[in-house]
Every structure is written in structure tokens, then in C-alpha cells.
Amino acid sequence: MARKSHRELREGERFTDAQYKPYTVTIGQFVLTWNDLHEKLALIFTGILSYGDGKKIPKKHRPEYEFREMERLAGIWNSSPYDRPKREMLRGILVPLVTSDFIQLGNFEEDIRWILDEADKIEEIRNNAVHSPLIHNFNEFDISPIFPTSAGRRKYKWSGGKITPNILMRNRRALRIAQKNPDGDILRELRWARDASAVLRDFALRIYWALLYEPAPWPLRPALPNRGRKKYAKCATAGSRKMTAPLISSFSGVSSVPSLWRSSA
């Protein structure tokens, strides 16, 4: 048999087809929100360890002190390249010697531990999403060099099928997703994890404001979204008016600072 031209051989998936778009968009949004959550946890970490110190510094030297302190504490936080050890660092400073300085701030320790515990649960979904290969199920068990991929499907106007975890080479992350979602709807869990991460991120940001700015009240713990439904998480300031923070089920971006503190009627 004569050898085929290179132009006739199959190429890898480009993941730019319309059928991939819901997955690439959702996974991208989830990862960005997850990363942003850990940036807000870093702020809490630095805020706890520097709490009240600035008041002991003469006013004219405070900007320089605050800059140096932030650099020092950010260096400690980033001494680990991984998310879980960073969360463990924050969990590790929640000891009586430290938390006793924050008795006046409501459920200080309980709320921070709640964020960390919920992030631990979401992390498995994040790791599965980031490390699992996806494939259009036209190609699911075909490794023929001539079987059409995305370009071929467009050329011959193939339609139908769906995106699934690629379990051909027994990738353990792909297998976990397939086992958890036997109906093939992997987007539902990804969207829930994205929205839950956004709720934790916003709550962490409010906690940091309460540490940094004395007028900012300590927020009440929000509700995580129900799986598979749009939901509004209710948040209130301790002992005061209720506030609402819309969950980003369609991911419209990061809420602005003023809207987070806008009171509901």
C-alpha cells in the first residue's frame, strides 16, 4: 500500500470548535476564579500577621513599613508553589495566641476555617478539570491516523456527538470525571464549582476588608450555590442590614467593590 501524504494524516484536536466552547470557557472561568480565591486568601494571611502593627509605626514611616511588611509576608505565602500548602499555612496560624487578637471580630476563626474546608472539597473538582483530557466522542476510541478530527468534521459537515473525558489511555482524572458523571453532563459540576469558588472568593475579600478597614463590618457567612440551579447567596453584616451578592452562574465577571456592600431594600 502506498504511503499517505502528510496532508492526509490526522492532526490533533484544536479545541476551538463550537462544541468545545462551553467546556473551554467554563474551565477557564473556573480556574481564574480559583486562582483569584487564593489571592484573597493571601490577603487574609498577610492581614492577620500584620494586624495592628502599623499603628505602632510613626505616621510618616507607615507607607514604607506597610510595603516592606507586605513583601515579607507575600514571600512567606509564595514559598510554596502549590495551593493546598498555602491554605495549610493560613490554617496553621489560626492558633489561640493569634486568634485571641480577633475576639471582637465575630466568627473570625470559624469563618476562615469554613472557607478553607470548602476550598479543600472543591480542589478535587479543579484538579480533575485541569488535568483531564477531553475528546469529541466521534474519536473516543479511534487512534487511526486518517480518522477526521475537528478540521475534518467541519470539511465534511459532521455534526452531533458530544464532548467527553478521554479515557482511552486510562487517565485517572478522566476516569474520575466519567465515573462521577455517568450521564455525560460534566459541565454541571464545573459550573457549580466555579460559582462556589466565586462565593468563597467574595467572602474572603469581605473578611480582608474587615481586617484592613475598621469601619468595615464583619460579614455573615454566605450560602454556597445549589448544584444545577442559579441561586442568590445572602450575606449580612453582623447584627445589621442584610446584603445580597448574586452568584455568577453565567459568569459575568468580578463584582465591583461598591456593589458588594450595597444594601438591599
Foldseek 3Di string as FASTA:
>chain_A
DDDDDPVQWEDDAPLPDPQSVLLVVLLVLLVVLLVLLLVLVLLVQLLLVCFPVLVVDPPVCSVVVVVVSSVVSVCVLPPDVDRLVSLVVSLVVPDCVRCVVVPVQPPVNVQSVVLSVVSVVLVLVSVLSVPWDKAFVVCQQPPGRNPYGDVVCVVVVPDDTHIATRCNVPDVSSVVLCVVCVVRPSSQSSLLSSLQSLLSSLLSNLCSCVSVPVVRANKDRWDRDDGPDFDWTKMGGVPDAIAIDGGPSVDPDRDDPVNRPDGDD
